[in-house]
Amino acid sequence: MAEPLKTFFSASLVKRLAADIRKVHPAFPDKDFVKQASAGLEELELLGRGKHIAAALGAHLPPSYPKAVKVLLASLGPEHATDELVGAGMAPFYYLPHVIFVAERGLSHFDLSLRAQYELTKRFSAEFSMRAYIAHDPEITFEMLSKWSQDPNAHVRRLVSECTRLRLPWAERVAWLDANPERVLELLELLKDDPASVVRRSVANNLNDLGKVRLDLLVKTCARWAKGAPAERKALIEHALRSAVKRGEPAVLEILGYAGQALVALEAVRFDPERVTVGKSVSVSFALRSQTQKAQSLLVDLAVHFVKANGKTAPKVFKLKRVELPAKASVELKTTVSLAVHTTRKPYPGEHRVEVVVNGQRLRAGSFYVKD
């Protein structure tokens, strides 16, 4: 089993951080820093470890914030080698204590801190630390974000859309963003055709968040963007609409070309095995037979109602396939549902109901039983 992500922040990493800082600031009390930053580290989770190390930085860097930030920036390693983040692993998280330090201590030095985050996001991501600055002074921050949307560095441009997400994972909500989603859309307009896929994916994630709060704005924006859209923007729109598609929102399905009720019959449903042990998987197969004389465009997903610890169920939708179904024809589909234990989902014993979702319409497919 892979080690938990939190173990990245270890005593050896603390020593490495101390050495990097001492190279550019010989007066840095590295031994005292290592002692404080390492104490109690093992009992903390990932974010807690980052905050713990950031607190130790605050205790041993120069007491003047401008001087402390100057030291931190001087100690930074090279920028991201490519526009993409795939394959980087945990390495960029080395700078998590740095962005936490800026988020917690830099608001009274606004411009300086924005410049610091500009440099940090080229190596990690300042999406978390920027939230405090948006909340504190959204107008000044958005003015800077607008400029950054045109920056040559893709990771700086990505920061513009990532830090303004309404439901950024791990991050606190920002009331101003929730109240002003139109301002966020103004920034996304500048990035929707960005040449870097890492930026376009971030824009899609931002829109996906928006749809959970303001479906009307998501639909309006994506419908407008879809007109005459190049292939890259079409892919962005599809990714942005993924959660709304899983919810079966009719207006969203219409944008993607799957409007109207599918005229199909669900046949030959099979679960193999029908009783499955936690940690294993079950194969689900079925057929869809056309019930009309016209060809149909179908978006087919699978909804599994997983049993929770309290005995209740909650659906999770798995994407399956897009199907062009000729008149009176049928198509056979098959997928595998994992019952492995994940950090985000743990299967529990009980009956798991299954539905085939066709163009947002849920068709009862039966159930399989999970046992210990």
Protein backbone atom coordinates (compact mmCIF):
# COMPACT_ATOMS: atom_id res chain seq x y z
CA MET A 1 0.00 0.00 0.00
CA ALA A 2 1.30 3.46 -0.89
CA GLU A 3 2.36 5.71 1.96
CA PRO A 4 -0.04 8.51 2.96
CA LEU A 5 0.64 11.84 1.23
CA LYS A 6 1.30 13.49 4.59
CA THR A 7 4.56 11.56 4.98
CA PHE A 8 6.06 13.80 2.29
CA PHE A 9 6.54 16.38 5.06
CA SER A 10 9.11 14.51 7.10
CA ALA A 11 12.01 15.44 9.37
CA SER A 12 14.37 15.00 6.41
CA LEU A 13 12.37 17.49 4.35
CA VAL A 14 12.53 19.99 7.22
CA LYS A 15 16.32 19.65 7.22
CA ARG A 16 16.40 20.16 3.46
CA LEU A 17 14.30 23.32 3.81
CA ALA A 18 16.60 24.62 6.53
CA ALA A 19 19.65 24.00 4.34
CA ASP A 20 18.09 25.82 1.38
CA ILE A 21 17.34 28.87 3.49
CA ARG A 22 20.73 28.92 5.19
CA LYS A 23 22.44 28.95 1.78
CA VAL A 24 20.95 32.37 1.04
CA HIS A 25 20.69 33.59 4.63
CA PRO A 26 23.64 32.32 6.73
CA ALA A 27 22.17 33.87 9.90
CA PHE A 28 19.19 31.50 9.75
CA PRO A 29 19.13 29.38 12.97
CA ASP A 30 18.73 26.09 11.15
CA LYS A 31 19.09 23.81 14.18
CA ASP A 32 16.45 25.65 16.19
CA PHE A 33 14.15 25.70 13.17
CA VAL A 34 14.55 21.97 12.55
CA LYS A 35 13.85 21.22 16.21
CA GLN A 36 10.63 23.26 16.27
CA ALA A 37 9.40 22.23 12.82
CA SER A 38 10.00 18.52 13.48
CA ALA A 39 8.42 18.42 16.95
CA GLY A 40 5.02 16.76 16.79
CA LEU A 41 5.10 16.56 13.00
CA GLU A 42 4.23 12.85 12.87
CA GLU A 43 0.87 13.39 14.60
CA LEU A 44 -0.38 15.86 11.97
CA GLU A 45 -2.10 15.41 8.61
CA LEU A 46 -0.83 16.92 5.34
CA LEU A 47 -2.22 20.44 5.68
CA GLY A 48 -1.48 20.48 9.38
CA ARG A 49 2.15 19.65 8.69
CA GLY A 50 2.38 22.47 6.18
CA LYS A 51 0.97 24.93 8.73
CA HIS A 52 3.26 23.61 11.47
CA ILE A 53 6.36 24.14 9.33
CA ALA A 54 5.12 27.58 8.25
CA ALA A 55 4.78 28.56 11.92
CA ALA A 56 8.36 27.48 12.52
CA LEU A 57 9.46 29.58 9.56
CA GLY A 58 7.72 32.57 11.09
CA ALA A 59 9.53 32.01 14.37
CA HIS A 60 13.04 31.84 12.86
CA LEU A 61 13.04 33.98 9.72
CA PRO A 62 13.74 37.71 10.16
CA PRO A 63 10.90 39.31 12.17
CA SER A 64 10.37 41.88 9.41
CA TYR A 65 7.92 40.34 6.94
CA PRO A 66 9.49 42.02 3.87
CA LYS A 67 12.91 40.69 4.87
CA ALA A 68 11.51 37.24 5.61
CA VAL A 69 9.81 37.02 2.21
CA LYS A 70 12.96 38.20 0.49
CA VAL A 71 14.84 35.31 2.12
CA LEU A 72 12.19 32.78 1.17
CA LEU A 73 12.09 33.91 -2.46
CA ALA A 74 15.86 33.84 -2.69
CA SER A 75 15.82 30.22 -1.50
CA LEU A 76 13.41 29.01 -4.18
CA GLY A 77 14.43 26.29 -6.58
CA PRO A 78 13.76 26.18 -10.34
CA GLU A 79 10.33 26.82 -11.83
CA HIS A 80 8.09 24.06 -13.20
CA ALA A 81 9.98 22.50 -16.10
CA THR A 82 6.91 22.30 -18.37
CA ASP A 83 3.44 23.78 -18.70
CA GLU A 84 1.92 20.52 -17.44
CA LEU A 85 1.77 19.19 -13.89
CA VAL A 86 1.38 15.53 -14.83
CA GLY A 87 4.24 13.48 -13.45
CA ALA A 88 5.35 16.10 -10.93
CA GLY A 89 4.02 14.02 -8.04
CA MET A 90 4.38 15.49 -4.58
CA ALA A 91 7.57 17.45 -5.33
CA PRO A 92 5.85 20.86 -5.76
CA PHE A 93 4.28 20.47 -2.28
CA TYR A 94 7.70 21.36 -0.91
CA TYR A 95 6.48 24.97 -1.16
CA LEU A 96 3.24 24.47 0.76
CA PRO A 97 4.74 26.01 3.95
CA HIS A 98 5.89 28.98 1.88
CA VAL A 99 2.41 29.82 0.53
CA ILE A 100 0.88 29.29 3.98
CA PHE A 101 3.43 31.72 5.42
CA VAL A 102 2.42 34.34 2.85
CA ALA A 103 -1.30 33.71 3.36
CA GLU A 104 -1.14 34.05 7.13
CA ARG A 105 1.36 36.88 7.51
CA GLY A 106 1.39 39.00 4.37
CA LEU A 107 -1.94 40.83 4.15
CA SER A 108 -0.49 44.04 5.56
CA HIS A 109 2.10 43.98 2.75
CA PHE A 110 -0.37 43.38 -0.06
CA ASP A 111 1.64 44.20 -3.18
CA LEU A 112 4.75 42.46 -1.90
CA SER A 113 2.75 39.33 -1.09
CA LEU A 114 1.11 39.27 -4.50
CA ARG A 115 4.54 39.36 -6.10
CA ALA A 116 5.67 36.55 -3.80
CA GLN A 117 2.72 34.40 -4.85
CA TYR A 118 3.46 35.16 -8.48
CA GLU A 119 6.87 33.51 -7.99
CA LEU A 120 5.61 30.67 -5.80
CA THR A 121 2.91 29.60 -8.26
CA LYS A 122 5.61 28.99 -10.88
CA ARG A 123 6.91 26.23 -8.60
CA PHE A 124 3.86 24.98 -6.68
CA SER A 125 0.54 26.82 -6.79
CA ALA A 126 -0.62 29.86 -4.86
CA GLU A 127 -4.31 29.00 -5.33
CA PHE A 128 -4.80 28.55 -1.57
CA SER A 129 -2.88 31.58 -0.34
CA MET A 130 -4.55 33.87 -2.89
CA ARG A 131 -7.95 33.21 -1.32
CA ALA A 132 -7.11 35.39 1.69
CA TYR A 133 -6.15 38.25 -0.63
CA ILE A 134 -9.36 37.98 -2.66
CA ALA A 135 -11.37 38.12 0.57
CA HIS A 136 -9.34 41.04 1.95
CA ASP A 137 -9.34 43.28 -1.13
CA PRO A 138 -11.07 41.71 -4.14
CA GLU A 139 -10.78 44.74 -6.42
CA ILE A 140 -7.00 45.10 -6.18
CA THR A 141 -6.55 41.32 -6.37
CA PHE A 142 -8.79 40.96 -9.41
CA GLU A 143 -6.97 43.79 -11.14
CA MET A 144 -3.76 41.82 -10.72
CA LEU A 145 -5.40 38.54 -11.77
CA SER A 146 -6.58 40.20 -14.96
CA LYS A 147 -2.98 41.15 -15.76
CA TRP A 148 -1.77 37.66 -14.89
CA SER A 149 -4.26 36.15 -17.34
CA GLN A 150 -1.95 37.47 -20.09
CA ASP A 151 1.30 36.31 -18.45
CA PRO A 152 3.71 34.24 -20.58
CA ASN A 153 3.90 31.57 -17.83
CA ALA A 154 1.08 29.00 -18.05
CA HIS A 155 1.18 28.32 -14.30
CA VAL A 156 0.56 32.00 -13.58
CA ARG A 157 -2.38 31.99 -15.99
CA ARG A 158 -3.68 28.80 -14.37
CA LEU A 159 -3.58 30.52 -10.98
CA VAL A 160 -6.09 33.10 -12.25
CA SER A 161 -8.81 30.49 -12.75
CA GLU A 162 -7.79 28.12 -9.96
CA CYS A 163 -7.73 30.59 -7.07
CA THR A 164 -11.15 31.98 -8.05
CA ARG A 165 -12.98 28.64 -7.98
CA LEU A 166 -16.14 28.86 -5.88
CA ARG A 167 -15.55 25.41 -4.40
CA LEU A 168 -11.79 24.97 -4.50
CA PRO A 169 -10.95 21.64 -2.78
CA TRP A 170 -9.24 21.95 0.62
CA ALA A 171 -9.79 25.70 0.60
CA GLU A 172 -12.12 27.88 2.63
CA ARG A 173 -15.01 29.45 0.78
CA VAL A 174 -14.74 33.13 -0.07
CA ALA A 175 -18.05 34.93 0.42
CA TRP A 176 -17.15 37.64 -2.12
CA LEU A 177 -16.66 35.03 -4.86
CA ASP A 178 -20.02 33.43 -4.08
CA ALA A 179 -21.67 36.85 -4.29
CA ASN A 180 -19.91 37.89 -7.50
CA PRO A 181 -19.61 34.91 -9.86
CA GLU A 182 -19.99 37.21 -12.86
CA ARG A 183 -16.63 38.77 -11.97
CA VAL A 184 -15.06 35.34 -12.05
CA LEU A 185 -16.56 34.72 -15.49
CA GLU A 186 -14.91 37.91 -16.74
CA LEU A 187 -11.54 36.32 -15.97
CA LEU A 188 -12.50 32.97 -17.49
CA GLU A 189 -13.43 34.73 -20.74
CA LEU A 190 -9.79 35.74 -21.03
CA LEU A 191 -8.62 32.14 -20.60
CA LYS A 192 -11.19 29.98 -22.42
CA ASP A 193 -8.95 29.54 -25.48
CA ASP A 194 -5.64 29.48 -23.64
CA PRO A 195 -2.95 27.54 -25.55
CA ALA A 196 -2.02 25.49 -22.46
CA SER A 197 -4.21 22.51 -21.59
CA VAL A 198 -3.35 22.91 -17.90
CA VAL A 199 -5.05 26.32 -18.00
CA ARG A 200 -8.08 25.12 -19.95
CA ARG A 201 -8.61 22.25 -17.48
CA SER A 202 -8.54 24.76 -14.64
CA VAL A 203 -11.13 26.91 -16.41
CA ALA A 204 -13.32 23.82 -16.82
CA ASN A 205 -12.98 22.98 -13.12
CA ASN A 206 -13.90 26.55 -12.22
CA LEU A 207 -17.05 26.32 -14.36
CA ASN A 208 -17.89 22.92 -12.91
CA ASP A 209 -17.81 24.51 -9.45
CA LEU A 210 -20.00 27.36 -10.69
CA GLY A 211 -22.62 24.89 -11.89
CA LYS A 212 -23.05 23.52 -8.38
CA VAL A 213 -24.04 27.00 -7.18
CA ARG A 214 -25.39 28.87 -10.23
CA LEU A 215 -26.52 26.39 -12.88
CA ASP A 216 -28.08 29.23 -14.87
CA LEU A 217 -24.73 30.96 -15.32
CA LEU A 218 -23.01 27.70 -16.25
CA VAL A 219 -25.62 26.96 -18.93
CA LYS A 220 -25.61 30.51 -20.29
CA THR A 221 -21.81 30.64 -20.49
CA CYS A 222 -21.27 27.22 -22.03
CA ALA A 223 -24.09 27.67 -24.56
CA ARG A 224 -22.47 30.92 -25.72
CA TRP A 225 -18.96 29.43 -25.78
CA ALA A 226 -20.17 26.41 -27.74
CA LYS A 227 -21.14 28.52 -30.80
CA GLY A 228 -18.39 28.09 -33.37
CA ALA A 229 -16.10 26.59 -30.73
CA PRO A 230 -12.78 25.04 -31.80
CA ALA A 231 -12.05 21.46 -30.68
CA GLU A 232 -10.09 22.52 -27.59
CA ARG A 233 -12.92 24.71 -26.31
CA LYS A 234 -15.48 21.97 -26.98
CA ALA A 235 -13.42 19.64 -24.80
CA LEU A 236 -13.25 22.34 -22.11
CA ILE A 237 -17.05 22.73 -22.18
CA GLU A 238 -17.63 18.99 -21.90
CA HIS A 239 -15.30 18.79 -18.89
CA ALA A 240 -16.98 21.81 -17.32
CA LEU A 241 -20.41 20.21 -17.66
CA ARG A 242 -19.47 16.81 -16.24
CA SER A 243 -21.15 17.16 -12.84
CA ALA A 244 -24.29 18.68 -14.34
CA VAL A 245 -24.43 15.84 -16.86
CA LYS A 246 -24.25 13.29 -14.03
CA ARG A 247 -27.17 15.11 -12.39
CA GLY A 248 -29.09 14.83 -15.65
CA GLU A 249 -29.67 18.58 -16.08
CA PRO A 250 -31.77 18.92 -19.29
CA ALA A 251 -30.34 22.29 -20.36
CA VAL A 252 -26.80 20.94 -20.07
CA LEU A 253 -27.61 17.79 -22.05
CA GLU A 254 -29.07 20.01 -24.76
CA ILE A 255 -25.78 21.91 -25.09
CA LEU A 256 -24.00 18.60 -25.69
CA GLY A 257 -26.56 17.45 -28.25
CA TYR A 258 -28.46 14.98 -26.09
CA ALA A 259 -31.77 16.80 -25.69
CA GLY A 260 -35.04 14.97 -25.17
CA GLN A 261 -35.96 11.65 -23.66
CA ALA A 262 -34.19 8.60 -25.04
CA LEU A 263 -36.61 6.06 -26.56
CA VAL A 264 -34.87 2.85 -25.54
CA ALA A 265 -35.56 -0.35 -23.63
CA LEU A 266 -33.08 -1.74 -21.11
CA GLU A 267 -32.48 -5.45 -21.64
CA ALA A 268 -30.22 -8.36 -20.65
CA VAL A 269 -28.88 -6.79 -17.46
CA ARG A 270 -26.27 -8.97 -15.80
CA PHE A 271 -24.16 -8.59 -12.62
CA ASP A 272 -21.14 -10.86 -12.32
CA PRO A 273 -20.95 -11.80 -9.52
CA GLU A 274 -24.28 -10.86 -7.97
CA ARG A 275 -22.68 -11.06 -4.52
CA VAL A 276 -19.26 -9.43 -4.24
CA THR A 277 -16.78 -9.05 -1.39
CA VAL A 278 -15.50 -5.64 -0.28
CA GLY A 279 -12.23 -5.02 -2.09
CA LYS A 280 -13.26 -6.92 -5.22
CA SER A 281 -15.19 -5.76 -8.30
CA VAL A 282 -18.39 -6.57 -10.13
CA SER A 283 -18.99 -6.60 -13.89
CA VAL A 284 -22.17 -4.90 -15.11
CA SER A 285 -23.43 -5.59 -18.62
CA PHE A 286 -26.65 -4.65 -20.39
CA ALA A 287 -28.19 -3.85 -23.75
CA LEU A 288 -30.11 -0.81 -24.98
CA ARG A 289 -32.66 -1.43 -27.72
CA SER A 290 -34.09 1.41 -29.79
CA GLN A 291 -37.83 1.95 -29.57
CA THR A 292 -38.12 4.39 -32.49
CA GLN A 293 -37.73 4.56 -36.25
CA LYS A 294 -35.18 7.37 -35.92
CA ALA A 295 -31.49 7.28 -35.08
CA GLN A 296 -30.64 8.55 -31.60
CA SER A 297 -27.63 10.17 -29.98
CA LEU A 298 -27.25 8.69 -26.50
CA LEU A 299 -25.11 9.67 -23.54
CA VAL A 300 -24.94 6.58 -21.34
CA ASP A 301 -23.74 6.52 -17.72
CA LEU A 302 -24.11 4.15 -14.78
CA ALA A 303 -25.36 5.20 -11.34
CA VAL A 304 -24.46 2.95 -8.40
CA HIS A 305 -26.11 3.64 -5.04
CA PHE A 306 -23.28 2.87 -2.62
CA VAL A 307 -24.23 1.87 0.91
CA LYS A 308 -22.78 4.19 3.57
CA ALA A 309 -21.73 3.46 7.13
CA ASN A 310 -25.17 4.47 8.47
CA GLY A 311 -26.94 2.07 6.13
CA LYS A 312 -28.25 4.79 3.81
CA THR A 313 -27.20 4.98 0.18
CA ALA A 314 -25.67 7.70 -1.98
CA PRO A 315 -25.36 7.51 -5.78
CA LYS A 316 -22.09 7.78 -7.67
CA VAL A 317 -22.32 8.19 -11.43
CA PHE A 318 -19.73 6.56 -13.67
CA LYS A 319 -19.29 7.77 -17.25
CA LEU A 320 -19.75 5.01 -19.79
CA LYS A 321 -20.12 5.85 -23.48
CA ARG A 322 -21.59 8.04 -26.18
CA VAL A 323 -23.64 5.96 -28.56
CA GLU A 324 -25.11 6.67 -32.00
CA LEU A 325 -27.97 4.16 -32.00
CA PRO A 326 -29.60 3.45 -35.39
CA ALA A 327 -33.35 2.98 -35.69
CA LYS A 328 -34.62 -0.27 -34.11
CA ALA A 329 -31.04 -1.33 -33.37
CA SER A 330 -29.49 -2.39 -30.07
CA VAL A 331 -26.13 -1.93 -28.43
CA GLU A 332 -24.43 -3.97 -25.71
CA LEU A 333 -22.40 -2.18 -23.05
CA LYS A 334 -20.25 -3.42 -20.20
CA THR A 335 -18.27 -1.89 -17.37
CA THR A 336 -16.62 -2.85 -14.09
CA VAL A 337 -17.48 -1.34 -10.71
CA SER A 338 -14.69 -1.44 -8.14
CA LEU A 339 -15.49 -2.14 -4.50
CA ALA A 340 -11.96 -1.27 -3.42
CA VAL A 341 -11.50 0.83 -0.30
CA HIS A 342 -10.49 4.42 -1.14
CA THR A 343 -9.81 7.43 1.05
CA THR A 344 -12.85 9.14 -0.52
CA ARG A 345 -15.16 6.12 -0.59
CA LYS A 346 -15.37 2.95 1.49
CA PRO A 347 -17.89 0.30 0.40
CA TYR A 348 -20.12 -1.18 3.10
CA PRO A 349 -22.13 -4.40 3.06
CA GLY A 350 -25.64 -4.27 1.69
CA GLU A 351 -27.72 -4.04 -1.45
CA HIS A 352 -26.31 -1.64 -4.05
CA ARG A 353 -29.00 -0.46 -6.49
CA VAL A 354 -27.92 0.27 -10.05
CA GLU A 355 -29.43 2.54 -12.68
CA VAL A 356 -28.48 3.03 -16.31
CA VAL A 357 -28.63 6.75 -17.08
CA VAL A 358 -29.48 7.57 -20.71
CA ASN A 359 -29.64 11.25 -21.67
CA GLY A 360 -30.36 12.04 -18.02
CA GLN A 361 -33.16 9.47 -17.78
CA ARG A 362 -32.61 6.84 -15.07
CA LEU A 363 -33.59 3.26 -15.92
CA ARG A 364 -33.71 0.73 -13.07
CA ALA A 365 -31.21 -2.02 -13.77
CA GLY A 366 -31.39 -4.08 -10.56
CA SER A 367 -28.82 -4.50 -7.82
CA PHE A 368 -25.86 -6.46 -6.55
CA TYR A 369 -25.01 -7.31 -2.95
CA VAL A 370 -21.78 -6.42 -1.19
CA LYS A 371 -20.57 -8.60 1.66
CA ASP A 372 -17.62 -8.43 4.09
